[in-house]
Amino acid sequence: MKPLSLPAVAAAIFVFLLFTSFRSSPYSSASRKQNLSSGDTHYYYYLNGGTTYDGWYSIAEEEARLTTLYGMYVDTNPFGGTLLATGYPIKGIPHTIYATSFLYGH
């Protein structure tokens, strides 16, 4: 067997590098499930004591959305507030796990 010449090896490497992308895909499941630029975890939020599905948001996005919807200040502090939304890491009713995010209106 005859060894490969240097120009043939260089051409093969060039073609490989020409058609290879070393960037991650923007459509990967990790980028859809989490906002990687801010590092915020997203939750499935439910209103009305956990019975009405509201959407899949980060805490900051849901606070801003509920502030606009209800016209009151919304945060995670339960002192003196009314529970507006609960966030679950898994979507579905009945809820198989406890809520991990609670948003209160003041």
PDB file of N, CA and C in Angstrom:
ATOM      1  N   MET A   1       0.846  -1.174   0.000  1.00  0.00           N
ATOM      2  CA  MET A   1       0.000   0.000   0.000  1.00  0.00           C
ATOM      3  C   MET A   1       0.889   1.235   0.000  1.00  0.00           C
ATOM      4  N   LYS A   2       0.560   2.150  -0.862  1.00  0.00           N
ATOM      5  CA  LYS A   2       1.344   3.359  -1.030  1.00  0.00           C
ATOM      6  C   LYS A   2       0.914   4.405   0.010  1.00  0.00           C
ATOM      7  N   PRO A   3       1.837   5.048   0.718  1.00  0.00           N
ATOM      8  CA  PRO A   3       1.461   6.066   1.711  1.00  0.00           C
ATOM      9  C   PRO A   3       0.849   7.295   1.030  1.00  0.00           C
ATOM     10  N   LEU A   4      -0.037   7.973   1.758  1.00  0.00           N
ATOM     11  CA  LEU A   4      -0.679   9.173   1.229  1.00  0.00           C
ATOM     12  C   LEU A   4       0.320  10.315   1.163  1.00  0.00           C
ATOM     13  N   SER A   5       0.167  11.126   0.135  1.00  0.00           N
ATOM     14  CA  SER A   5       1.060  12.272  -0.014  1.00  0.00           C
ATOM     15  C   SER A   5       0.573  13.415   0.874  1.00  0.00           C
ATOM     16  N   LEU A   6       1.451  14.309   1.185  1.00  0.00           N
ATOM     17  CA  LEU A   6       1.135  15.449   2.038  1.00  0.00           C
ATOM     18  C   LEU A   6       0.041  16.325   1.442  1.00  0.00           C
ATOM     19  N   PRO A   7       0.039  16.617   0.136  1.00  0.00           N
ATOM     20  CA  PRO A   7      -1.057  17.426  -0.427  1.00  0.00           C
ATOM     21  C   PRO A   7      -2.415  16.734  -0.316  1.00  0.00           C
ATOM     22  N   ALA A   8      -2.462  15.406  -0.434  1.00  0.00           N
ATOM     23  CA  ALA A   8      -3.734  14.697  -0.326  1.00  0.00           C
ATOM     24  C   ALA A   8      -4.278  14.756   1.101  1.00  0.00           C
ATOM     25  N   VAL A   9      -3.398  14.612   2.088  1.00  0.00           N
ATOM     26  CA  VAL A   9      -3.815  14.699   3.492  1.00  0.00           C
ATOM     27  C   VAL A   9      -4.279  16.119   3.812  1.00  0.00           C
ATOM     28  N   ALA A  10      -3.562  17.120   3.332  1.00  0.00           N
ATOM     29  CA  ALA A  10      -3.933  18.513   3.575  1.00  0.00           C
ATOM     30  C   ALA A  10      -5.274  18.832   2.924  1.00  0.00           C
ATOM     31  N   ALA A  11      -5.522  18.307   1.723  1.00  0.00           N
ATOM     32  CA  ALA A  11      -6.793  18.540   1.042  1.00  0.00           C
ATOM     33  C   ALA A  11      -7.944  17.881   1.805  1.00  0.00           C
ATOM     34  N   ALA A  12      -7.726  16.681   2.330  1.00  0.00           N
ATOM     35  CA  ALA A  12      -8.763  16.000   3.100  1.00  0.00           C
ATOM     36  C   ALA A  12      -9.088  16.767   4.374  1.00  0.00           C
ATOM     37  N   ILE A  13      -8.090  17.265   5.068  1.00  0.00           N
ATOM     38  CA  ILE A  13      -8.306  18.055   6.287  1.00  0.00           C
ATOM     39  C   ILE A  13      -9.040  19.352   5.958  1.00  0.00           C
ATOM     40  N   PHE A  14      -8.657  19.990   4.859  1.00  0.00           N
ATOM     41  CA  PHE A  14      -9.305  21.233   4.450  1.00  0.00           C
ATOM     42  C   PHE A  14     -10.793  21.008   4.173  1.00  0.00           C
ATOM     43  N   VAL A  15     -11.134  19.940   3.447  1.00  0.00           N
ATOM     44  CA  VAL A  15     -12.531  19.638   3.131  1.00  0.00           C
ATOM     45  C   VAL A  15     -13.303  19.329   4.413  1.00  0.00           C
ATOM     46  N   PHE A  16     -12.694  18.587   5.330  1.00  0.00           N
ATOM     47  CA  PHE A  16     -13.339  18.281   6.606  1.00  0.00           C
ATOM     48  C   PHE A  16     -13.660  19.549   7.380  1.00  0.00           C
ATOM     49  N   LEU A  17     -12.685  20.441   7.493  1.00  0.00           N
ATOM     50  CA  LEU A  17     -12.884  21.689   8.242  1.00  0.00           C
ATOM     51  C   LEU A  17     -13.853  22.631   7.542  1.00  0.00           C
ATOM     52  N   LEU A  18     -13.907  22.561   6.214  1.00  0.00           N
ATOM     53  CA  LEU A  18     -14.791  23.425   5.456  1.00  0.00           C
ATOM     54  C   LEU A  18     -16.265  23.111   5.728  1.00  0.00           C
ATOM     55  N   PHE A  19     -16.595  21.835   5.906  1.00  0.00           N
ATOM     56  CA  PHE A  19     -17.985  21.426   6.075  1.00  0.00           C
ATOM     57  C   PHE A  19     -18.349  21.047   7.510  1.00  0.00           C
ATOM     58  N   THR A  20     -17.489  21.349   8.474  1.00  0.00           N
ATOM     59  CA  THR A  20     -17.762  21.017   9.869  1.00  0.00           C
ATOM     60  C   THR A  20     -18.036  22.285  10.661  1.00  0.00           C
ATOM     61  N   SER A  21     -19.088  22.250  11.463  1.00  0.00           N
ATOM     62  CA  SER A  21     -19.401  23.373  12.333  1.00  0.00           C
ATOM     63  C   SER A  21     -19.090  22.967  13.764  1.00  0.00           C
ATOM     64  N   PHE A  22     -18.349  23.796  14.464  1.00  0.00           N
ATOM     65  CA  PHE A  22     -17.992  23.501  15.844  1.00  0.00           C
ATOM     66  C   PHE A  22     -18.856  24.270  16.830  1.00  0.00           C
ATOM     67  N   ARG A  23     -19.870  24.962  16.350  1.00  0.00           N
ATOM     68  CA  ARG A  23     -20.794  25.685  17.217  1.00  0.00           C
ATOM     69  C   ARG A  23     -21.961  24.784  17.580  1.00  0.00           C
ATOM     70  N   SER A  24     -22.532  25.007  18.762  1.00  0.00           N
ATOM     71  CA  SER A  24     -23.695  24.220  19.149  1.00  0.00           C
ATOM     72  C   SER A  24     -24.917  24.728  18.395  1.00  0.00           C
ATOM     73  N   SER A  25     -25.835  23.864  18.180  1.00  0.00           N
ATOM     74  CA  SER A  25     -27.052  24.193  17.453  1.00  0.00           C
ATOM     75  C   SER A  25     -27.965  25.062  18.319  1.00  0.00           C
ATOM     76  N   PRO A  26     -28.550  26.111  17.750  1.00  0.00           N
ATOM     77  CA  PRO A  26     -29.495  26.921  18.528  1.00  0.00           C
ATOM     78  C   PRO A  26     -30.811  26.188  18.768  1.00  0.00           C
ATOM     79  N   TYR A  27     -31.009  25.048  18.125  1.00  0.00           N
ATOM     80  CA  TYR A  27     -32.246  24.301  18.263  1.00  0.00           C
ATOM     81  C   TYR A  27     -32.112  23.103  19.188  1.00  0.00           C
ATOM     82  N   SER A  28     -31.014  23.018  19.938  1.00  0.00           N
ATOM     83  CA  SER A  28     -30.851  21.897  20.854  1.00  0.00           C
ATOM     84  C   SER A  28     -31.869  22.004  21.982  1.00  0.00           C
ATOM     85  N   SER A  29     -32.202  20.889  22.597  1.00  0.00           N
ATOM     86  CA  SER A  29     -33.228  20.886  23.641  1.00  0.00           C
ATOM     87  C   SER A  29     -32.809  21.699  24.851  1.00  0.00           C
ATOM     88  N   ALA A  30     -31.514  21.771  25.136  1.00  0.00           N
ATOM     89  CA  ALA A  30     -31.058  22.556  26.289  1.00  0.00           C
ATOM     90  C   ALA A  30     -31.310  24.039  26.075  1.00  0.00           C
ATOM     91  N   SER A  31     -31.123  24.541  24.860  1.00  0.00           N
ATOM     92  CA  SER A  31     -31.343  25.962  24.632  1.00  0.00           C
ATOM     93  C   SER A  31     -32.820  26.299  24.606  1.00  0.00           C
ATOM     94  N   ARG A  32     -33.689  25.347  24.256  1.00  0.00           N
ATOM     95  CA  ARG A  32     -35.119  25.613  24.307  1.00  0.00           C
ATOM     96  C   ARG A  32     -35.653  25.549  25.718  1.00  0.00           C
ATOM     97  N   LYS A  33     -35.070  24.733  26.575  1.00  0.00           N
ATOM     98  CA  LYS A  33     -35.578  24.548  27.924  1.00  0.00           C
ATOM     99  C   LYS A  33     -35.020  25.530  28.933  1.00  0.00           C
ATOM    100  N   GLN A  34     -34.001  26.263  28.579  1.00  0.00           N
ATOM    101  CA  GLN A  34     -33.438  27.188  29.548  1.00  0.00           C
ATOM    102  C   GLN A  34     -32.843  28.379  28.835  1.00  0.00           C
ATOM    103  N   ASN A  35     -33.030  29.545  29.390  1.00  0.00           N
ATOM    104  CA  ASN A  35     -32.454  30.749  28.841  1.00  0.00           C
ATOM    105  C   ASN A  35     -30.992  30.791  29.272  1.00  0.00           C
ATOM    106  N   LEU A  36     -30.093  30.354  28.404  1.00  0.00           N
ATOM    107  CA  LEU A  36     -28.704  30.181  28.794  1.00  0.00           C
ATOM    108  C   LEU A  36     -27.967  31.508  28.964  1.00  0.00           C
ATOM    109  N   SER A  37     -28.471  32.573  28.330  1.00  0.00           N
ATOM    110  CA  SER A  37     -27.778  33.846  28.468  1.00  0.00           C
ATOM    111  C   SER A  37     -27.923  34.417  29.873  1.00  0.00           C
ATOM    112  N   SER A  38     -29.069  34.217  30.505  1.00  0.00           N
ATOM    113  CA  SER A  38     -29.258  34.759  31.848  1.00  0.00           C
ATOM    114  C   SER A  38     -29.141  33.695  32.925  1.00  0.00           C
ATOM    115  N   GLY A  39     -29.225  32.437  32.558  1.00  0.00           N
ATOM    116  CA  GLY A  39     -29.117  31.365  33.534  1.00  0.00           C
ATOM    117  C   GLY A  39     -30.370  31.156  34.356  1.00  0.00           C
ATOM    118  N   ASP A  40     -31.490  31.798  33.988  1.00  0.00           N
ATOM    119  CA  ASP A  40     -32.739  31.649  34.733  1.00  0.00           C
ATOM    120  C   ASP A  40     -33.382  30.304  34.441  1.00  0.00           C
ATOM    121  N   THR A  41     -33.850  29.651  35.493  1.00  0.00           N
ATOM    122  CA  THR A  41     -34.591  28.411  35.342  1.00  0.00           C
ATOM    123  C   THR A  41     -36.027  28.745  34.974  1.00  0.00           C
ATOM    124  N   HIS A  42     -36.610  27.978  34.095  1.00  0.00           N
ATOM    125  CA  HIS A  42     -37.993  28.175  33.688  1.00  0.00           C
ATOM    126  C   HIS A  42     -38.886  27.165  34.402  1.00  0.00           C
ATOM    127  N   TYR A  43     -40.112  27.587  34.680  1.00  0.00           N
ATOM    128  CA  TYR A  43     -41.095  26.751  35.352  1.00  0.00           C
ATOM    129  C   TYR A  43     -42.397  26.769  34.566  1.00  0.00           C
ATOM    130  N   TYR A  44     -43.203  25.738  34.762  1.00  0.00           N
ATOM    131  CA  TYR A  44     -44.564  25.711  34.221  1.00  0.00           C
ATOM    132  C   TYR A  44     -45.458  26.347  35.284  1.00  0.00           C
ATOM    133  N   TYR A  45     -45.983  27.534  34.981  1.00  0.00           N
ATOM    134  CA  TYR A  45     -46.774  28.276  35.962  1.00  0.00           C
ATOM    135  C   TYR A  45     -48.259  27.987  35.811  1.00  0.00           C
ATOM    136  N   TYR A  46     -48.910  27.865  36.980  1.00  0.00           N
ATOM    137  CA  TYR A  46     -50.347  27.633  37.062  1.00  0.00           C
ATOM    138  C   TYR A  46     -50.964  28.696  37.954  1.00  0.00           C
ATOM    139  N   LEU A  47     -52.158  29.142  37.594  1.00  0.00           N
ATOM    140  CA  LEU A  47     -52.917  30.118  38.373  1.00  0.00           C
ATOM    141  C   LEU A  47     -54.051  29.394  39.092  1.00  0.00           C
ATOM    142  N   ASN A  48     -54.775  30.129  39.921  1.00  0.00           N
ATOM    143  CA  ASN A  48     -55.964  29.614  40.620  1.00  0.00           C
ATOM    144  C   ASN A  48     -55.661  28.370  41.441  1.00  0.00           C
ATOM    145  N   GLY A  49     -54.644  28.450  42.264  1.00  0.00           N
ATOM    146  CA  GLY A  49     -54.315  27.333  43.141  1.00  0.00           C
ATOM    147  C   GLY A  49     -53.738  26.127  42.428  1.00  0.00           C
ATOM    148  N   GLY A  50     -53.161  26.335  41.256  1.00  0.00           N
ATOM    149  CA  GLY A  50     -52.519  25.248  40.535  1.00  0.00           C
ATOM    150  C   GLY A  50     -53.424  24.503  39.582  1.00  0.00           C
ATOM    151  N   THR A  51     -54.561  25.096  39.172  1.00  0.00           N
ATOM    152  CA  THR A  51     -55.485  24.391  38.289  1.00  0.00           C
ATOM    153  C   THR A  51     -55.503  24.919  36.857  1.00  0.00           C
ATOM    154  N   THR A  52     -55.115  26.174  36.633  1.00  0.00           N
ATOM    155  CA  THR A  52     -55.163  26.771  35.296  1.00  0.00           C
ATOM    156  C   THR A  52     -53.747  26.998  34.790  1.00  0.00           C
ATOM    157  N   TYR A  53     -53.382  26.337  33.680  1.00  0.00           N
ATOM    158  CA  TYR A  53     -52.035  26.486  33.123  1.00  0.00           C
ATOM    159  C   TYR A  53     -51.859  27.885  32.565  1.00  0.00           C
ATOM    160  N   ASP A  54     -50.731  28.513  32.899  1.00  0.00           N
ATOM    161  CA  ASP A  54     -50.468  29.882  32.485  1.00  0.00           C
ATOM    162  C   ASP A  54     -49.352  29.983  31.452  1.00  0.00           C
ATOM    163  N   GLY A  55     -48.310  29.184  31.565  1.00  0.00           N
ATOM    164  CA  GLY A  55     -47.231  29.250  30.590  1.00  0.00           C
ATOM    165  C   GLY A  55     -45.906  28.808  31.180  1.00  0.00           C
ATOM    166  N   TRP A  56     -44.902  28.745  30.308  1.00  0.00           N
ATOM    167  CA  TRP A  56     -43.558  28.299  30.674  1.00  0.00           C
ATOM    168  C   TRP A  56     -42.645  29.516  30.658  1.00  0.00           C
ATOM    169  N   TYR A  57     -42.289  30.025  31.858  1.00  0.00           N
ATOM    170  CA  TYR A  57     -41.539  31.266  31.977  1.00  0.00           C
ATOM    171  C   TYR A  57     -40.466  31.146  33.055  1.00  0.00           C
ATOM    172  N   SER A  58     -39.518  32.086  33.017  1.00  0.00           N
ATOM    173  CA  SER A  58     -38.600  32.238  34.146  1.00  0.00           C
ATOM    174  C   SER A  58     -39.346  33.018  35.223  1.00  0.00           C
ATOM    175  N   ILE A  59     -38.780  33.079  36.415  1.00  0.00           N
ATOM    176  CA  ILE A  59     -39.426  33.807  37.507  1.00  0.00           C
ATOM    177  C   ILE A  59     -39.584  35.279  37.142  1.00  0.00           C
ATOM    178  N   ALA A  60     -38.534  35.883  36.596  1.00  0.00           N
ATOM    179  CA  ALA A  60     -38.593  37.307  36.237  1.00  0.00           C
ATOM    180  C   ALA A  60     -39.632  37.568  35.152  1.00  0.00           C
ATOM    181  N   GLU A  61     -39.726  36.690  34.161  1.00  0.00           N
ATOM    182  CA  GLU A  61     -40.720  36.871  33.098  1.00  0.00           C
ATOM    183  C   GLU A  61     -42.133  36.744  33.635  1.00  0.00           C
ATOM    184  N   GLU A  62     -42.367  35.781  34.511  1.00  0.00           N
ATOM    185  CA  GLU A  62     -43.711  35.593  35.064  1.00  0.00           C
ATOM    186  C   GLU A  62     -44.077  36.729  36.014  1.00  0.00           C
ATOM    187  N   GLU A  63     -43.111  37.229  36.798  1.00  0.00           N
ATOM    188  CA  GLU A  63     -43.383  38.384  37.660  1.00  0.00           C
ATOM    189  C   GLU A  63     -43.802  39.583  36.823  1.00  0.00           C
ATOM    190  N   ALA A  64     -43.075  39.860  35.745  1.00  0.00           N
ATOM    191  CA  ALA A  64     -43.405  41.001  34.886  1.00  0.00           C
ATOM    192  C   ALA A  64     -44.765  40.809  34.220  1.00  0.00           C
ATOM    193  N   ARG A  65     -45.051  39.595  33.770  1.00  0.00           N
ATOM    194  CA  ARG A  65     -46.321  39.311  33.120  1.00  0.00           C
ATOM    195  C   ARG A  65     -47.496  39.462  34.076  1.00  0.00           C
ATOM    196  N   LEU A  66     -47.355  38.944  35.297  1.00  0.00           N
ATOM    197  CA  LEU A  66     -48.439  39.054  36.277  1.00  0.00           C
ATOM    198  C   LEU A  66     -48.606  40.475  36.788  1.00  0.00           C
ATOM    199  N   THR A  67     -47.516  41.220  36.885  1.00  0.00           N
ATOM    200  CA  THR A  67     -47.608  42.631  37.277  1.00  0.00           C
ATOM    201  C   THR A  67     -48.449  43.394  36.273  1.00  0.00           C
ATOM    202  N   THR A  68     -48.236  43.141  34.988  1.00  0.00           N
ATOM    203  CA  THR A  68     -49.036  43.790  33.954  1.00  0.00           C
ATOM    204  C   THR A  68     -50.470  43.292  33.970  1.00  0.00           C
ATOM    205  N   LEU A  69     -50.671  41.999  34.167  1.00  0.00           N
ATOM    206  CA  LEU A  69     -52.008  41.406  34.139  1.00  0.00           C
ATOM    207  C   LEU A  69     -52.876  41.870  35.303  1.00  0.00           C
ATOM    208  N   TYR A  70     -52.321  41.877  36.517  1.00  0.00           N
ATOM    209  CA  TYR A  70     -53.103  42.211  37.707  1.00  0.00           C
ATOM    210  C   TYR A  70     -52.950  43.660  38.164  1.00  0.00           C
ATOM    211  N   GLY A  71     -51.953  44.367  37.657  1.00  0.00           N
ATOM    212  CA  GLY A  71     -51.770  45.760  38.039  1.00  0.00           C
ATOM    213  C   GLY A  71     -51.283  45.942  39.464  1.00  0.00           C
ATOM    214  N   MET A  72     -50.557  44.971  39.987  1.00  0.00           N
ATOM    215  CA  MET A  72     -49.997  45.059  41.333  1.00  0.00           C
ATOM    216  C   MET A  72     -48.576  44.529  41.309  1.00  0.00           C
ATOM    217  N   TYR A  73     -47.834  44.856  42.361  1.00  0.00           N
ATOM    218  CA  TYR A  73     -46.463  44.383  42.477  1.00  0.00           C
ATOM    219  C   TYR A  73     -46.455  42.878  42.751  1.00  0.00           C
ATOM    220  N   VAL A  74     -45.639  42.111  42.017  1.00  0.00           N
ATOM    221  CA  VAL A  74     -45.563  40.657  42.165  1.00  0.00           C
ATOM    222  C   VAL A  74     -44.124  40.264  42.453  1.00  0.00           C
ATOM    223  N   ASP A  75     -43.935  39.434  43.486  1.00  0.00           N
ATOM    224  CA  ASP A  75     -42.605  38.922  43.810  1.00  0.00           C
ATOM    225  C   ASP A  75     -42.728  37.573  44.511  1.00  0.00           C
ATOM    226  N   THR A  76     -41.611  37.074  45.024  1.00  0.00           N
ATOM    227  CA  THR A  76     -41.600  35.762  45.687  1.00  0.00           C
ATOM    228  C   THR A  76     -41.735  35.862  47.203  1.00  0.00           C
ATOM    229  N   ASN A  77     -41.932  37.060  47.737  1.00  0.00           N
ATOM    230  CA  ASN A  77     -42.057  37.265  49.179  1.00  0.00           C
ATOM    231  C   ASN A  77     -43.496  37.008  49.624  1.00  0.00           C
ATOM    232  N   PRO A  78     -43.735  36.003  50.475  1.00  0.00           N
ATOM    233  CA  PRO A  78     -45.104  35.695  50.874  1.00  0.00           C
ATOM    234  C   PRO A  78     -45.677  36.646  51.921  1.00  0.00           C
ATOM    235  N   PHE A  79     -44.846  37.425  52.614  1.00  0.00           N
ATOM    236  CA  PHE A  79     -45.305  38.266  53.715  1.00  0.00           C
ATOM    237  C   PHE A  79     -46.247  39.354  53.206  1.00  0.00           C
ATOM    238  N   GLY A  80     -47.498  39.291  53.623  1.00  0.00           N
ATOM    239  CA  GLY A  80     -48.486  40.302  53.260  1.00  0.00           C
ATOM    240  C   GLY A  80     -48.982  40.201  51.837  1.00  0.00           C
ATOM    241  N   GLY A  81     -48.739  39.103  51.175  1.00  0.00           N
ATOM    242  CA  GLY A  81     -49.157  38.966  49.785  1.00  0.00           C
ATOM    243  C   GLY A  81     -50.207  37.899  49.580  1.00  0.00           C
ATOM    244  N   THR A  82     -50.774  37.893  48.401  1.00  0.00           N
ATOM    245  CA  THR A  82     -51.760  36.898  48.004  1.00  0.00           C
ATOM    246  C   THR A  82     -51.131  36.005  46.939  1.00  0.00           C
ATOM    247  N   LEU A  83     -51.235  34.696  47.116  1.00  0.00           N
ATOM    248  CA  LEU A  83     -50.655  33.762  46.159  1.00  0.00           C
ATOM    249  C   LEU A  83     -51.371  33.889  44.817  1.00  0.00           C
ATOM    250  N   LEU A  84     -50.593  34.192  43.764  1.00  0.00           N
ATOM    251  CA  LEU A  84     -51.157  34.341  42.427  1.00  0.00           C
ATOM    252  C   LEU A  84     -50.815  33.173  41.512  1.00  0.00           C
ATOM    253  N   ALA A  85     -49.572  32.678  41.600  1.00  0.00           N
ATOM    254  CA  ALA A  85     -49.136  31.631  40.679  1.00  0.00           C
ATOM    255  C   ALA A  85     -48.145  30.695  41.359  1.00  0.00           C
ATOM    256  N   THR A  86     -48.185  29.447  40.944  1.00  0.00           N
ATOM    257  CA  THR A  86     -47.232  28.455  41.434  1.00  0.00           C
ATOM    258  C   THR A  86     -46.501  27.879  40.227  1.00  0.00           C
ATOM    259  N   GLY A  87     -45.190  27.671  40.386  1.00  0.00           N
ATOM    260  CA  GLY A  87     -44.366  27.155  39.299  1.00  0.00           C
ATOM    261  C   GLY A  87     -43.874  25.752  39.577  1.00  0.00           C
ATOM    262  N   TYR A  88     -44.029  24.893  38.594  1.00  0.00           N
ATOM    263  CA  TYR A  88     -43.633  23.487  38.708  1.00  0.00           C
ATOM    264  C   TYR A  88     -42.567  23.166  37.662  1.00  0.00           C
ATOM    265  N   PRO A  89     -41.605  22.317  38.013  1.00  0.00           N
ATOM    266  CA  PRO A  89     -40.603  21.936  37.016  1.00  0.00           C
ATOM    267  C   PRO A  89     -41.140  20.976  35.966  1.00  0.00           C
ATOM    268  N   ILE A  90     -42.292  20.337  36.228  1.00  0.00           N
ATOM    269  CA  ILE A  90     -42.889  19.379  35.300  1.00  0.00           C
ATOM    270  C   ILE A  90     -44.326  19.811  35.011  1.00  0.00           C
ATOM    271  N   LYS A  91     -44.703  19.785  33.735  1.00  0.00           N
ATOM    272  CA  LYS A  91     -46.060  20.176  33.349  1.00  0.00           C
ATOM    273  C   LYS A  91     -47.020  19.014  33.535  1.00  0.00           C
ATOM    274  N   GLY A  92     -48.222  19.321  33.944  1.00  0.00           N
ATOM    275  CA  GLY A  92     -49.255  18.307  34.026  1.00  0.00           C
ATOM    276  C   GLY A  92     -50.137  18.438  35.249  1.00  0.00           C
ATOM    277  N   ILE A  93     -51.400  18.069  35.077  1.00  0.00           N
ATOM    278  CA  ILE A  93     -52.354  18.023  36.178  1.00  0.00           C
ATOM    279  C   ILE A  93     -52.917  16.617  36.198  1.00  0.00           C
ATOM    280  N   PRO A  94     -52.993  15.935  37.299  1.00  0.00           N
ATOM    281  CA  PRO A  94     -52.633  16.385  38.640  1.00  0.00           C
ATOM    282  C   PRO A  94     -51.122  16.488  38.786  1.00  0.00           C
ATOM    283  N   HIS A  95     -50.711  17.398  39.644  1.00  0.00           N
ATOM    284  CA  HIS A  95     -49.288  17.625  39.865  1.00  0.00           C
ATOM    285  C   HIS A  95     -48.692  16.442  40.624  1.00  0.00           C
ATOM    286  N   THR A  96     -47.633  15.882  40.072  1.00  0.00           N
ATOM    287  CA  THR A  96     -46.998  14.720  40.699  1.00  0.00           C
ATOM    288  C   THR A  96     -45.911  15.106  41.676  1.00  0.00           C
ATOM    289  N   ILE A  97     -45.528  16.386  41.672  1.00  0.00           N
ATOM    290  CA  ILE A  97     -44.510  16.890  42.602  1.00  0.00           C
ATOM    291  C   ILE A  97     -44.999  18.219  43.166  1.00  0.00           C
ATOM    292  N   TYR A  98     -44.329  18.686  44.194  1.00  0.00           N
ATOM    293  CA  TYR A  98     -44.686  19.966  44.804  1.00  0.00           C
ATOM    294  C   TYR A  98     -44.166  21.125  43.966  1.00  0.00           C
ATOM    295  N   ALA A  99     -44.857  22.246  44.055  1.00  0.00           N
ATOM    296  CA  ALA A  99     -44.410  23.457  43.369  1.00  0.00           C
ATOM    297  C   ALA A  99     -43.090  23.936  43.972  1.00  0.00           C
ATOM    298  N   THR A 100     -42.247  24.517  43.139  1.00  0.00           N
ATOM    299  CA  THR A 100     -40.959  25.020  43.610  1.00  0.00           C
ATOM    300  C   THR A 100     -40.837  26.527  43.496  1.00  0.00           C
ATOM    301  N   SER A 101     -41.796  27.186  42.863  1.00  0.00           N
ATOM    302  CA  SER A 101     -41.783  28.633  42.748  1.00  0.00           C
ATOM    303  C   SER A 101     -43.173  29.156  43.085  1.00  0.00           C
ATOM    304  N   PHE A 102     -43.217  30.158  43.954  1.00  0.00           N
ATOM    305  CA  PHE A 102     -44.481  30.751  44.373  1.00  0.00           C
ATOM    306  C   PHE A 102     -44.399  32.259  44.150  1.00  0.00           C
ATOM    307  N   LEU A 103     -45.394  32.822  43.476  1.00  0.00           N
ATOM    308  CA  LEU A 103     -45.424  34.268  43.206  1.00  0.00           C
ATOM    309  C   LEU A 103     -46.623  34.892  43.888  1.00  0.00           C
ATOM    310  N   TYR A 104     -46.371  35.995  44.593  1.00  0.00           N
ATOM    311  CA  TYR A 104     -47.382  36.658  45.409  1.00  0.00           C
ATOM    312  C   TYR A 104     -47.600  38.084  44.915  1.00  0.00           C
ATOM    313  N   GLY A 105     -48.853  38.527  44.948  1.00  0.00           N
ATOM    314  CA  GLY A 105     -49.195  39.890  44.604  1.00  0.00           C
ATOM    315  C   GLY A 105     -49.350  40.736  45.849  1.00  0.00           C
ATOM    316  N   HIS A 106     -48.865  41.983  45.781  1.00  0.00           N
ATOM    317  CA  HIS A 106     -48.935  42.905  46.914  1.00  0.00           C
ATOM    318  C   HIS A 106     -49.632  44.181  46.513  1.00  0.00           C
TER     319      HIS A 106
END
